[in-house]
């Protein structure tokens, strides 16, 4: 299969995209040791460092959110693959003299396995690292245990809140408490119309018919539980997903939420705005205030068509942190 992608050697694509990224945003980030993205201007060591890890191919996630008020470092793996434990430890060593380190890990098998191995290795070197896991995908069911849920785009608003708390000088326990408070009341659900192609293997990930969609399909083509179904209207999809997410986060009348439509890579802004319109109507129709909103690509899957819908419930403190200043290449708040 011939892929119509602007690439050179497929085996070099991760290195080359990171080189290009660092050249594009030299005032905000820099590339260290080939696959570690760090802030161009580090924060002071009397603050907690926020670090994450994940495979390439989901740009701008996760490295696009390294910067003031967000991440201090992103450890990058190959396309759709977690970085190895030694590379994660290499990044952790860079922050061993900081006030503390928190590692944000999306709940995927490779990410979890390599992160846990890295934490064991770091502990042997005397580097203490706290971990927070995002597992907000409700495709397995609203009542499914967190261990059975995937981490999706909800990691980004969580990182925004935790990064702002770290920037303010809060300690590890305070930041973790804030993070878990938001983590427990956020949920994501994805819908896919067309699956992605792996840029290195050249093979489609998963399968969907031309007249099919699947609510709940994972970002790497994993099944969503209910299987493919006939294509439906934007209003039907938005209402179905929004109602499930409201129940999942137990949002009540008078509460404030973030509502985000995250395009998967091949979904136009036109489509995202049409979907957002209906989702907003459903949310506010329940007496819930949309206090923060976005239609954009924050975690993509190459040319996959579809989107992730995210809802997270704020309290006054987490909302203030969400709105606090930040300066990452793909999330700037003034």
C-alpha atoms as a PDB file:
ATOM      1  CA  UNK A   1       0.000   0.000   0.000  1.00  0.00           C
ATOM      2  CA  UNK A   2       1.401   3.397  -1.014  1.00  0.00           C
ATOM      3  CA  UNK A   3       0.913   6.049   1.664  1.00  0.00           C
ATOM      4  CA  UNK A   4       0.358   9.637   0.590  1.00  0.00           C
ATOM      5  CA  UNK A   5       2.324  11.211   3.416  1.00  0.00           C
ATOM      6  CA  UNK A   6       5.170  13.706   3.363  1.00  0.00           C
ATOM      7  CA  UNK A   7       7.894  11.505   4.835  1.00  0.00           C
ATOM      8  CA  UNK A   8      11.402  10.415   4.059  1.00  0.00           C
ATOM      9  CA  UNK A   9      12.626   7.191   5.670  1.00  0.00           C
ATOM     10  CA  UNK A  10       9.646   5.877   7.721  1.00  0.00           C
ATOM     11  CA  UNK A  11      12.061   4.584  10.361  1.00  0.00           C
ATOM     12  CA  UNK A  12      13.356   8.129  10.899  1.00  0.00           C
ATOM     13  CA  UNK A  13      10.002   9.885  11.040  1.00  0.00           C
ATOM     14  CA  UNK A  14       9.901  10.268  14.847  1.00  0.00           C
ATOM     15  CA  UNK A  15      13.376  11.802  14.981  1.00  0.00           C
ATOM     16  CA  UNK A  16      12.673  14.090  12.055  1.00  0.00           C
ATOM     17  CA  UNK A  17       9.319  15.338  13.337  1.00  0.00           C
ATOM     18  CA  UNK A  18      10.897  16.159  16.707  1.00  0.00           C
ATOM     19  CA  UNK A  19      13.813  17.919  15.030  1.00  0.00           C
ATOM     20  CA  UNK A  20      11.339  19.980  13.015  1.00  0.00           C
ATOM     21  CA  UNK A  21       9.255  20.732  16.085  1.00  0.00           C
ATOM     22  CA  UNK A  22      12.271  22.003  18.018  1.00  0.00           C
ATOM     23  CA  UNK A  23      13.347  24.164  15.070  1.00  0.00           C
ATOM     24  CA  UNK A  24       9.822  25.585  14.772  1.00  0.00           C
ATOM     25  CA  UNK A  25       9.475  26.645  18.435  1.00  0.00           C
ATOM     26  CA  UNK A  26      13.035  27.394  19.658  1.00  0.00           C
ATOM     27  CA  UNK A  27      11.887  30.055  22.147  1.00  0.00           C
ATOM     28  CA  UNK A  28       9.513  27.651  23.893  1.00  0.00           C
ATOM     29  CA  UNK A  29      11.002  24.139  23.771  1.00  0.00           C
ATOM     30  CA  UNK A  30      14.194  22.293  22.975  1.00  0.00           C
ATOM     31  CA  UNK A  31      15.049  18.706  22.113  1.00  0.00           C
ATOM     32  CA  UNK A  32      17.441  16.804  24.374  1.00  0.00           C
ATOM     33  CA  UNK A  33      18.961  13.386  23.700  1.00  0.00           C
ATOM     34  CA  UNK A  34      16.883  12.918  20.522  1.00  0.00           C
ATOM     35  CA  UNK A  35      13.540  12.105  22.160  1.00  0.00           C
ATOM     36  CA  UNK A  36      13.141  14.236  25.284  1.00  0.00           C
ATOM     37  CA  UNK A  37      11.346  17.557  24.817  1.00  0.00           C
ATOM     38  CA  UNK A  38      11.930  20.121  27.591  1.00  0.00           C
ATOM     39  CA  UNK A  39      11.145  23.773  28.202  1.00  0.00           C
ATOM     40  CA  UNK A  40      13.540  26.175  26.520  1.00  0.00           C
ATOM     41  CA  UNK A  41      13.665  28.144  29.763  1.00  0.00           C
ATOM     42  CA  UNK A  42      13.381  25.785  32.762  1.00  0.00           C
ATOM     43  CA  UNK A  43      11.301  26.755  35.767  1.00  0.00           C
ATOM     44  CA  UNK A  44      13.093  27.298  39.074  1.00  0.00           C
ATOM     45  CA  UNK A  45      14.117  24.206  41.009  1.00  0.00           C
ATOM     46  CA  UNK A  46      12.050  25.212  44.039  1.00  0.00           C
ATOM     47  CA  UNK A  47       8.975  24.071  42.096  1.00  0.00           C
ATOM     48  CA  UNK A  48       7.594  20.638  41.195  1.00  0.00           C
ATOM     49  CA  UNK A  49       8.350  19.272  37.719  1.00  0.00           C
ATOM     50  CA  UNK A  50       5.486  17.787  35.679  1.00  0.00           C
ATOM     51  CA  UNK A  51       6.596  15.146  33.164  1.00  0.00           C
ATOM     52  CA  UNK A  52       4.752  12.829  30.805  1.00  0.00           C
ATOM     53  CA  UNK A  53       5.505  10.160  28.226  1.00  0.00           C
ATOM     54  CA  UNK A  54       3.915   8.667  25.132  1.00  0.00           C
ATOM     55  CA  UNK A  55       4.373   7.577  21.571  1.00  0.00           C
ATOM     56  CA  UNK A  56       4.763   9.913  18.626  1.00  0.00           C
ATOM     57  CA  UNK A  57       2.118  10.135  15.931  1.00  0.00           C
ATOM     58  CA  UNK A  58      -0.495  11.870  18.098  1.00  0.00           C
ATOM     59  CA  UNK A  59       0.734  15.428  17.578  1.00  0.00           C
ATOM     60  CA  UNK A  60       0.430  17.932  19.077  1.00  0.00           C
ATOM     61  CA  UNK A  61       0.122  15.556  22.049  1.00  0.00           C
ATOM     62  CA  UNK A  62       2.039  15.242  24.146  1.00  0.00           C
ATOM     63  CA  UNK A  63       5.109  17.358  23.470  1.00  0.00           C
ATOM     64  CA  UNK A  64       3.048  20.272  22.183  1.00  0.00           C
ATOM     65  CA  UNK A  65       2.120  21.029  25.783  1.00  0.00           C
ATOM     66  CA  UNK A  66       5.635  21.426  27.171  1.00  0.00           C
ATOM     67  CA  UNK A  67       6.040  24.977  28.350  1.00  0.00           C
ATOM     68  CA  UNK A  68       5.418  27.518  31.071  1.00  0.00           C
ATOM     69  CA  UNK A  69       2.405  26.575  33.160  1.00  0.00           C
ATOM     70  CA  UNK A  70       2.178  23.069  31.723  1.00  0.00           C
ATOM     71  CA  UNK A  71       4.729  20.283  31.221  1.00  0.00           C
ATOM     72  CA  UNK A  72       8.424  20.484  32.014  1.00  0.00           C
ATOM     73  CA  UNK A  73       9.277  17.494  29.842  1.00  0.00           C
ATOM     74  CA  UNK A  74       7.752  14.973  27.459  1.00  0.00           C
ATOM     75  CA  UNK A  75       9.520  11.674  26.806  1.00  0.00           C
ATOM     76  CA  UNK A  76       8.694  10.501  23.297  1.00  0.00           C
ATOM     77  CA  UNK A  77       8.461   6.945  22.022  1.00  0.00           C
ATOM     78  CA  UNK A  78       8.345   5.764  18.442  1.00  0.00           C
ATOM     79  CA  UNK A  79       5.103   5.992  16.454  1.00  0.00           C
ATOM     80  CA  UNK A  80       2.221   4.803  18.672  1.00  0.00           C
ATOM     81  CA  UNK A  81       4.727   3.182  21.059  1.00  0.00           C
ATOM     82  CA  UNK A  82       5.724   4.044  24.606  1.00  0.00           C
ATOM     83  CA  UNK A  83       9.319   5.174  25.193  1.00  0.00           C
ATOM     84  CA  UNK A  84      11.569   2.691  26.937  1.00  0.00           C
ATOM     85  CA  UNK A  85      12.185   2.866  30.684  1.00  0.00           C
ATOM     86  CA  UNK A  86      15.858   3.952  30.322  1.00  0.00           C
ATOM     87  CA  UNK A  87      14.825   7.024  28.306  1.00  0.00           C
ATOM     88  CA  UNK A  88      12.162   7.903  30.917  1.00  0.00           C
ATOM     89  CA  UNK A  89      14.731   7.594  33.705  1.00  0.00           C
ATOM     90  CA  UNK A  90      17.096   9.810  31.728  1.00  0.00           C
ATOM     91  CA  UNK A  91      14.429  12.505  31.768  1.00  0.00           C
ATOM     92  CA  UNK A  92      13.675  12.017  35.469  1.00  0.00           C
ATOM     93  CA  UNK A  93      17.361  12.521  36.315  1.00  0.00           C
ATOM     94  CA  UNK A  94      17.183  16.000  34.800  1.00  0.00           C
ATOM     95  CA  UNK A  95      14.733  17.032  37.524  1.00  0.00           C
ATOM     96  CA  UNK A  96      16.087  15.177  40.542  1.00  0.00           C
ATOM     97  CA  UNK A  97      17.020  18.441  42.291  1.00  0.00           C
ATOM     98  CA  UNK A  98      13.573  19.990  41.890  1.00  0.00           C
ATOM     99  CA  UNK A  99      11.014  20.349  44.666  1.00  0.00           C
ATOM    100  CA  UNK A 100       9.481  17.099  43.419  1.00  0.00           C
ATOM    101  CA  UNK A 101       8.517  15.207  40.276  1.00  0.00           C
ATOM    102  CA  UNK A 102       5.088  14.058  39.100  1.00  0.00           C
ATOM    103  CA  UNK A 103       4.799  11.687  36.148  1.00  0.00           C
ATOM    104  CA  UNK A 104       1.520  11.807  34.200  1.00  0.00           C
ATOM    105  CA  UNK A 105       0.785   8.460  32.529  1.00  0.00           C
ATOM    106  CA  UNK A 106      -2.057   7.583  30.158  1.00  0.00           C
ATOM    107  CA  UNK A 107      -3.583   4.196  30.880  1.00  0.00           C
ATOM    108  CA  UNK A 108      -2.214   2.095  28.029  1.00  0.00           C
ATOM    109  CA  UNK A 109      -0.358  -1.147  28.608  1.00  0.00           C
ATOM    110  CA  UNK A 110       3.005  -0.065  27.213  1.00  0.00           C
ATOM    111  CA  UNK A 111       2.922   3.350  28.870  1.00  0.00           C
ATOM    112  CA  UNK A 112       2.066   1.861  32.249  1.00  0.00           C
ATOM    113  CA  UNK A 113       4.586  -0.976  32.037  1.00  0.00           C
ATOM    114  CA  UNK A 114       7.497   1.225  31.008  1.00  0.00           C
ATOM    115  CA  UNK A 115       6.574   4.004  33.426  1.00  0.00           C
ATOM    116  CA  UNK A 116       6.412   1.582  36.358  1.00  0.00           C
ATOM    117  CA  UNK A 117       9.753   0.073  35.387  1.00  0.00           C
ATOM    118  CA  UNK A 118      11.264   3.554  35.136  1.00  0.00           C
ATOM    119  CA  UNK A 119       9.940   4.500  38.573  1.00  0.00           C
ATOM    120  CA  UNK A 120      11.569   1.402  40.079  1.00  0.00           C
ATOM    121  CA  UNK A 121      14.870   2.245  38.409  1.00  0.00           C
ATOM    122  CA  UNK A 122      14.651   5.884  39.521  1.00  0.00           C
ATOM    123  CA  UNK A 123      13.854   4.873  43.093  1.00  0.00           C
ATOM    124  CA  UNK A 124      17.047   2.792  43.208  1.00  0.00           C
ATOM    125  CA  UNK A 125      18.946   5.972  42.315  1.00  0.00           C
ATOM    126  CA  UNK A 126      17.217   7.874  45.090  1.00  0.00           C
ATOM    127  CA  UNK A 127      14.909   9.813  42.748  1.00  0.00           C
ATOM    128  CA  UNK A 128      11.429  10.007  44.245  1.00  0.00           C
ATOM    129  CA  UNK A 129       8.648  10.320  41.678  1.00  0.00           C
ATOM    130  CA  UNK A 130       4.883  10.488  42.192  1.00  0.00           C
ATOM    131  CA  UNK A 131       2.573   9.164  39.474  1.00  0.00           C
ATOM    132  CA  UNK A 132      -0.921  10.060  38.334  1.00  0.00           C
ATOM    133  CA  UNK A 133      -2.769   7.927  35.759  1.00  0.00           C
ATOM    134  CA  UNK A 134      -5.456   9.184  33.395  1.00  0.00           C
ATOM    135  CA  UNK A 135      -8.080   6.613  32.432  1.00  0.00           C
ATOM    136  CA  UNK A 136     -11.106   8.672  31.475  1.00  0.00           C
ATOM    137  CA  UNK A 137     -12.379   6.799  28.397  1.00  0.00           C
ATOM    138  CA  UNK A 138     -15.921   5.620  29.178  1.00  0.00           C
ATOM    139  CA  UNK A 139     -16.232   3.305  26.151  1.00  0.00           C
ATOM    140  CA  UNK A 140     -15.951   0.187  28.382  1.00  0.00           C
ATOM    141  CA  UNK A 141     -18.912   1.509  30.381  1.00  0.00           C
ATOM    142  CA  UNK A 142     -19.617   4.320  32.808  1.00  0.00           C
ATOM    143  CA  UNK A 143     -19.134   1.979  35.767  1.00  0.00           C
ATOM    144  CA  UNK A 144     -16.062   0.179  34.396  1.00  0.00           C
ATOM    145  CA  UNK A 145     -13.091   0.208  36.812  1.00  0.00           C
ATOM    146  CA  UNK A 146     -10.317   2.688  35.933  1.00  0.00           C
ATOM    147  CA  UNK A 147      -7.911  -0.159  35.178  1.00  0.00           C
ATOM    148  CA  UNK A 148     -10.131  -1.142  32.229  1.00  0.00           C
ATOM    149  CA  UNK A 149     -10.330   2.366  30.784  1.00  0.00           C
ATOM    150  CA  UNK A 150      -7.958   4.004  28.335  1.00  0.00           C
ATOM    151  CA  UNK A 151      -6.340   7.378  28.761  1.00  0.00           C
ATOM    152  CA  UNK A 152      -7.373   9.733  25.958  1.00  0.00           C
ATOM    153  CA  UNK A 153      -7.263  13.497  25.364  1.00  0.00           C
ATOM    154  CA  UNK A 154      -8.395  14.295  28.902  1.00  0.00           C
ATOM    155  CA  UNK A 155      -4.757  14.189  29.968  1.00  0.00           C
ATOM    156  CA  UNK A 156      -4.241  17.627  28.415  1.00  0.00           C
ATOM    157  CA  UNK A 157      -6.720  19.671  30.511  1.00  0.00           C
ATOM    158  CA  UNK A 158      -5.492  17.731  33.547  1.00  0.00           C
ATOM    159  CA  UNK A 159      -1.902  18.712  32.720  1.00  0.00           C
ATOM    160  CA  UNK A 160      -3.052  22.328  32.351  1.00  0.00           C
ATOM    161  CA  UNK A 161      -4.432  22.309  35.900  1.00  0.00           C
ATOM    162  CA  UNK A 162      -1.480  20.473  37.454  1.00  0.00           C
ATOM    163  CA  UNK A 163       1.061  22.545  35.539  1.00  0.00           C
ATOM    164  CA  UNK A 164      -0.516  25.768  36.779  1.00  0.00           C
ATOM    165  CA  UNK A 165      -0.480  24.460  40.361  1.00  0.00           C
ATOM    166  CA  UNK A 166       3.211  23.588  40.023  1.00  0.00           C
ATOM    167  CA  UNK A 167       3.952  27.028  38.587  1.00  0.00           C
ATOM    168  CA  UNK A 168       2.381  28.590  41.676  1.00  0.00           C
ATOM    169  CA  UNK A 169       4.810  26.675  43.896  1.00  0.00           C
ATOM    170  CA  UNK A 170       2.474  24.062  45.346  1.00  0.00           C
ATOM    171  CA  UNK A 171       4.082  20.876  46.647  1.00  0.00           C
ATOM    172  CA  UNK A 172       3.669  17.360  45.286  1.00  0.00           C
ATOM    173  CA  UNK A 173       0.828  16.358  47.621  1.00  0.00           C
ATOM    174  CA  UNK A 174      -1.152  19.526  46.896  1.00  0.00           C
ATOM    175  CA  UNK A 175      -0.762  19.116  43.141  1.00  0.00           C
ATOM    176  CA  UNK A 176      -1.706  15.449  43.253  1.00  0.00           C
ATOM    177  CA  UNK A 177      -4.804  16.221  45.306  1.00  0.00           C
ATOM    178  CA  UNK A 178      -5.908  18.823  42.780  1.00  0.00           C
ATOM    179  CA  UNK A 179      -5.116  16.516  39.891  1.00  0.00           C
ATOM    180  CA  UNK A 180      -7.018  13.577  41.314  1.00  0.00           C
ATOM    181  CA  UNK A 181      -9.959  15.823  42.195  1.00  0.00           C
ATOM    182  CA  UNK A 182     -10.323  16.764  38.513  1.00  0.00           C
ATOM    183  CA  UNK A 183      -9.278  13.310  37.284  1.00  0.00           C
ATOM    184  CA  UNK A 184     -12.189  11.671  39.103  1.00  0.00           C
ATOM    185  CA  UNK A 185     -14.723  13.933  37.418  1.00  0.00           C
ATOM    186  CA  UNK A 186     -13.558  13.952  33.823  1.00  0.00           C
ATOM    187  CA  UNK A 187     -14.599  11.656  30.991  1.00  0.00           C
ATOM    188  CA  UNK A 188     -13.914  11.219  27.279  1.00  0.00           C
ATOM    189  CA  UNK A 189     -15.710   9.318  24.542  1.00  0.00           C
ATOM    190  CA  UNK A 190     -14.477   8.959  20.968  1.00  0.00           C
ATOM    191  CA  UNK A 191     -16.217   8.289  17.679  1.00  0.00           C
ATOM    192  CA  UNK A 192     -14.420   7.121  14.539  1.00  0.00           C
ATOM    193  CA  UNK A 193     -15.540   7.314  10.903  1.00  0.00           C
ATOM    194  CA  UNK A 194     -12.286   6.300   9.224  1.00  0.00           C
ATOM    195  CA  UNK A 195      -9.333   4.508  10.799  1.00  0.00           C
ATOM    196  CA  UNK A 196      -5.732   5.710  10.741  1.00  0.00           C
ATOM    197  CA  UNK A 197      -2.776   4.301   8.852  1.00  0.00           C
ATOM    198  CA  UNK A 198       0.428   3.492  10.706  1.00  0.00           C
ATOM    199  CA  UNK A 199       3.053   5.810   9.149  1.00  0.00           C
ATOM    200  CA  UNK A 200       5.833   3.232   9.428  1.00  0.00           C
ATOM    201  CA  UNK A 201       4.001  -0.008   8.649  1.00  0.00           C
ATOM    202  CA  UNK A 202       1.686   1.467   6.026  1.00  0.00           C
ATOM    203  CA  UNK A 203      -1.238  -0.587   7.314  1.00  0.00           C
ATOM    204  CA  UNK A 204      -4.680   0.584   8.396  1.00  0.00           C
ATOM    205  CA  UNK A 205      -5.327   0.266  12.129  1.00  0.00           C
ATOM    206  CA  UNK A 206      -8.715  -1.383  12.560  1.00  0.00           C
ATOM    207  CA  UNK A 207     -11.487  -1.494   9.992  1.00  0.00           C
ATOM    208  CA  UNK A 208     -14.688   0.424   9.271  1.00  0.00           C
ATOM    209  CA  UNK A 209     -16.975   0.316   6.257  1.00  0.00           C
ATOM    210  CA  UNK A 210     -17.581   3.434   4.185  1.00  0.00           C
ATOM    211  CA  UNK A 211     -21.085   3.748   5.642  1.00  0.00           C
ATOM    212  CA  UNK A 212     -20.107   2.924   9.227  1.00  0.00           C
ATOM    213  CA  UNK A 213     -18.937   4.687  12.374  1.00  0.00           C
ATOM    214  CA  UNK A 214     -17.997   3.404  15.815  1.00  0.00           C
ATOM    215  CA  UNK A 215     -18.577   5.198  19.087  1.00  0.00           C
ATOM    216  CA  UNK A 216     -15.919   4.216  21.585  1.00  0.00           C
ATOM    217  CA  UNK A 217     -13.186   3.069  19.213  1.00  0.00           C
ATOM    218  CA  UNK A 218      -9.773   3.647  20.790  1.00  0.00           C
ATOM    219  CA  UNK A 219      -7.123   5.926  19.348  1.00  0.00           C
ATOM    220  CA  UNK A 220      -5.140   2.986  17.994  1.00  0.00           C
ATOM    221  CA  UNK A 221      -8.130   1.259  16.375  1.00  0.00           C
ATOM    222  CA  UNK A 222      -9.120  -0.737  19.447  1.00  0.00           C
ATOM    223  CA  UNK A 223     -12.772  -1.787  19.526  1.00  0.00           C
ATOM    224  CA  UNK A 224     -15.270   0.392  21.354  1.00  0.00           C
ATOM    225  CA  UNK A 225     -17.349  -2.391  22.823  1.00  0.00           C
ATOM    226  CA  UNK A 226     -20.512  -2.071  20.744  1.00  0.00           C
ATOM    227  CA  UNK A 227     -18.880  -2.454  17.355  1.00  0.00           C
ATOM    228  CA  UNK A 228     -19.530  -0.525  14.131  1.00  0.00           C
ATOM    229  CA  UNK A 229     -22.952   0.919  13.427  1.00  0.00           C
ATOM    230  CA  UNK A 230     -24.546   2.807  10.531  1.00  0.00           C
ATOM    231  CA  UNK A 231     -23.491   6.420  10.049  1.00  0.00           C
ATOM    232  CA  UNK A 232     -25.686   8.872  11.966  1.00  0.00           C
ATOM    233  CA  UNK A 233     -26.237  12.640  11.907  1.00  0.00           C
ATOM    234  CA  UNK A 234     -23.995  15.065  13.805  1.00  0.00           C
ATOM    235  CA  UNK A 235     -26.835  15.967  16.177  1.00  0.00           C
ATOM    236  CA  UNK A 236     -27.578  12.314  16.990  1.00  0.00           C
ATOM    237  CA  UNK A 237     -23.905  11.546  17.666  1.00  0.00           C
ATOM    238  CA  UNK A 238     -23.315  14.693  19.731  1.00  0.00           C
ATOM    239  CA  UNK A 239     -26.431  14.206  21.856  1.00  0.00           C
ATOM    240  CA  UNK A 240     -25.740  10.517  22.436  1.00  0.00           C
ATOM    241  CA  UNK A 241     -22.161  11.146  23.519  1.00  0.00           C
ATOM    242  CA  UNK A 242     -22.865  14.251  25.601  1.00  0.00           C
ATOM    243  CA  UNK A 243     -25.589  12.522  27.609  1.00  0.00           C
ATOM    244  CA  UNK A 244     -23.279   9.608  28.398  1.00  0.00           C
ATOM    245  CA  UNK A 245     -20.473  11.931  29.453  1.00  0.00           C
ATOM    246  CA  UNK A 246     -22.751  13.994  31.710  1.00  0.00           C
ATOM    247  CA  UNK A 247     -23.791  10.812  33.498  1.00  0.00           C
ATOM    248  CA  UNK A 248     -20.203   9.604  33.710  1.00  0.00           C
ATOM    249  CA  UNK A 249     -18.954  12.747  35.471  1.00  0.00           C
ATOM    250  CA  UNK A 250     -22.182  13.104  37.481  1.00  0.00           C
ATOM    251  CA  UNK A 251     -22.480  16.759  36.465  1.00  0.00           C
ATOM    252  CA  UNK A 252     -25.265  18.520  38.340  1.00  0.00           C
ATOM    253  CA  UNK A 253     -27.338  21.604  37.653  1.00  0.00           C
ATOM    254  CA  UNK A 254     -25.338  24.717  38.558  1.00  0.00           C
ATOM    255  CA  UNK A 255     -21.923  23.071  38.174  1.00  0.00           C
ATOM    256  CA  UNK A 256     -19.265  24.325  35.762  1.00  0.00           C
ATOM    257  CA  UNK A 257     -17.586  22.143  33.154  1.00  0.00           C
ATOM    258  CA  UNK A 258     -15.058  22.134  30.349  1.00  0.00           C
ATOM    259  CA  UNK A 259     -16.480  20.929  27.039  1.00  0.00           C
ATOM    260  CA  UNK A 260     -13.851  20.035  24.437  1.00  0.00           C
ATOM    261  CA  UNK A 261     -14.190  18.581  20.948  1.00  0.00           C
ATOM    262  CA  UNK A 262     -10.816  17.112  19.977  1.00  0.00           C
ATOM    263  CA  UNK A 263     -10.428  16.278  16.299  1.00  0.00           C
ATOM    264  CA  UNK A 264      -8.745  12.963  15.537  1.00  0.00           C
ATOM    265  CA  UNK A 265      -6.685  14.194  12.591  1.00  0.00           C
ATOM    266  CA  UNK A 266      -8.950  14.282   9.527  1.00  0.00           C
ATOM    267  CA  UNK A 267     -12.009  15.991  10.975  1.00  0.00           C
ATOM    268  CA  UNK A 268     -12.609  19.556   9.827  1.00  0.00           C
ATOM    269  CA  UNK A 269     -13.338  22.497  12.092  1.00  0.00           C
ATOM    270  CA  UNK A 270     -16.655  22.792  10.282  1.00  0.00           C
ATOM    271  CA  UNK A 271     -17.658  19.373  11.593  1.00  0.00           C
ATOM    272  CA  UNK A 272     -16.301  20.054  15.080  1.00  0.00           C
ATOM    273  CA  UNK A 273     -18.293  23.267  15.416  1.00  0.00           C
ATOM    274  CA  UNK A 274     -21.487  21.544  14.238  1.00  0.00           C
ATOM    275  CA  UNK A 275     -20.954  18.828  16.862  1.00  0.00           C
ATOM    276  CA  UNK A 276     -20.044  21.350  19.581  1.00  0.00           C
ATOM    277  CA  UNK A 277     -23.255  23.295  18.921  1.00  0.00           C
ATOM    278  CA  UNK A 278     -25.426  20.305  19.798  1.00  0.00           C
ATOM    279  CA  UNK A 279     -23.248  19.140  22.691  1.00  0.00           C
ATOM    280  CA  UNK A 280     -23.396  22.643  24.190  1.00  0.00           C
ATOM    281  CA  UNK A 281     -27.186  22.606  23.855  1.00  0.00           C
ATOM    282  CA  UNK A 282     -27.395  19.269  25.668  1.00  0.00           C
ATOM    283  CA  UNK A 283     -25.057  20.307  28.493  1.00  0.00           C
ATOM    284  CA  UNK A 284     -26.605  23.720  29.134  1.00  0.00           C
ATOM    285  CA  UNK A 285     -30.066  22.207  28.790  1.00  0.00           C
ATOM    286  CA  UNK A 286     -29.289  20.305  31.990  1.00  0.00           C
ATOM    287  CA  UNK A 287     -28.549  23.594  33.780  1.00  0.00           C
ATOM    288  CA  UNK A 288     -24.793  22.981  33.612  1.00  0.00           C
ATOM    289  CA  UNK A 289     -22.535  25.920  32.771  1.00  0.00           C
ATOM    290  CA  UNK A 290     -19.902  25.520  30.063  1.00  0.00           C
ATOM    291  CA  UNK A 291     -17.137  27.525  31.745  1.00  0.00           C
ATOM    292  CA  UNK A 292     -14.358  26.506  29.323  1.00  0.00           C
ATOM    293  CA  UNK A 293     -14.601  25.243  25.771  1.00  0.00           C
ATOM    294  CA  UNK A 294     -12.494  24.295  22.777  1.00  0.00           C
ATOM    295  CA  UNK A 295     -12.777  22.831  19.282  1.00  0.00           C
ATOM    296  CA  UNK A 296      -9.301  21.885  18.109  1.00  0.00           C
ATOM    297  CA  UNK A 297      -6.825  19.076  17.596  1.00  0.00           C
ATOM    298  CA  UNK A 298      -4.977  18.341  20.834  1.00  0.00           C
ATOM    299  CA  UNK A 299      -4.459  14.575  20.517  1.00  0.00           C
ATOM    300  CA  UNK A 300      -4.691  13.140  17.021  1.00  0.00           C
ATOM    301  CA  UNK A 301      -4.275   9.762  15.338  1.00  0.00           C
ATOM    302  CA  UNK A 302      -2.772  10.640  11.978  1.00  0.00           C
ATOM    303  CA  UNK A 303      -5.563  10.780   9.348  1.00  0.00           C
ATOM    304  CA  UNK A 304      -8.226   9.113  11.462  1.00  0.00           C
ATOM    305  CA  UNK A 305     -11.614  10.765  10.933  1.00  0.00           C
ATOM    306  CA  UNK A 306     -13.725  11.364  14.014  1.00  0.00           C
ATOM    307  CA  UNK A 307     -13.376  13.156  17.310  1.00  0.00           C
ATOM    308  CA  UNK A 308     -13.134  12.810  21.055  1.00  0.00           C
ATOM    309  CA  UNK A 309     -15.682  14.613  23.224  1.00  0.00           C
ATOM    310  CA  UNK A 310     -14.463  15.567  26.685  1.00  0.00           C
ATOM    311  CA  UNK A 311     -16.321  16.859  29.723  1.00  0.00           C
ATOM    312  CA  UNK A 312     -14.614  17.714  33.014  1.00  0.00           C
ATOM    313  CA  UNK A 313     -16.233  19.213  36.111  1.00  0.00           C
ATOM    314  CA  UNK A 314     -14.553  22.204  37.746  1.00  0.00           C
ATOM    315  CA  UNK A 315     -14.615  23.586  41.237  1.00  0.00           C
ATOM    316  CA  UNK A 316     -13.489  27.181  41.811  1.00  0.00           C
ATOM    317  CA  UNK A 317      -9.857  26.194  42.384  1.00  0.00           C
ATOM    318  CA  UNK A 318      -9.451  23.903  39.380  1.00  0.00           C
ATOM    319  CA  UNK A 319     -11.224  26.413  37.118  1.00  0.00           C
ATOM    320  CA  UNK A 320      -8.856  29.180  38.216  1.00  0.00           C
ATOM    321  CA  UNK A 321      -5.860  26.938  37.504  1.00  0.00           C
ATOM    322  CA  UNK A 322      -7.283  25.949  34.112  1.00  0.00           C
ATOM    323  CA  UNK A 323      -7.499  29.649  33.245  1.00  0.00           C
ATOM    324  CA  UNK A 324      -4.054  30.508  34.655  1.00  0.00           C
ATOM    325  CA  UNK A 325      -1.336  31.741  32.269  1.00  0.00           C
ATOM    326  CA  UNK A 326       0.540  29.197  30.173  1.00  0.00           C
ATOM    327  CA  UNK A 327       2.916  29.346  27.238  1.00  0.00           C
ATOM    328  CA  UNK A 328       3.303  26.015  25.470  1.00  0.00           C
ATOM    329  CA  UNK A 329       3.451  25.791  21.656  1.00  0.00           C
ATOM    330  CA  UNK A 330      -0.082  24.392  21.460  1.00  0.00           C
ATOM    331  CA  UNK A 331      -1.712  25.916  24.543  1.00  0.00           C
ATOM    332  CA  UNK A 332      -1.152  29.561  25.370  1.00  0.00           C
ATOM    333  CA  UNK A 333      -3.282  31.358  27.947  1.00  0.00           C
ATOM    334  CA  UNK A 334      -2.798  35.030  28.765  1.00  0.00           C
END
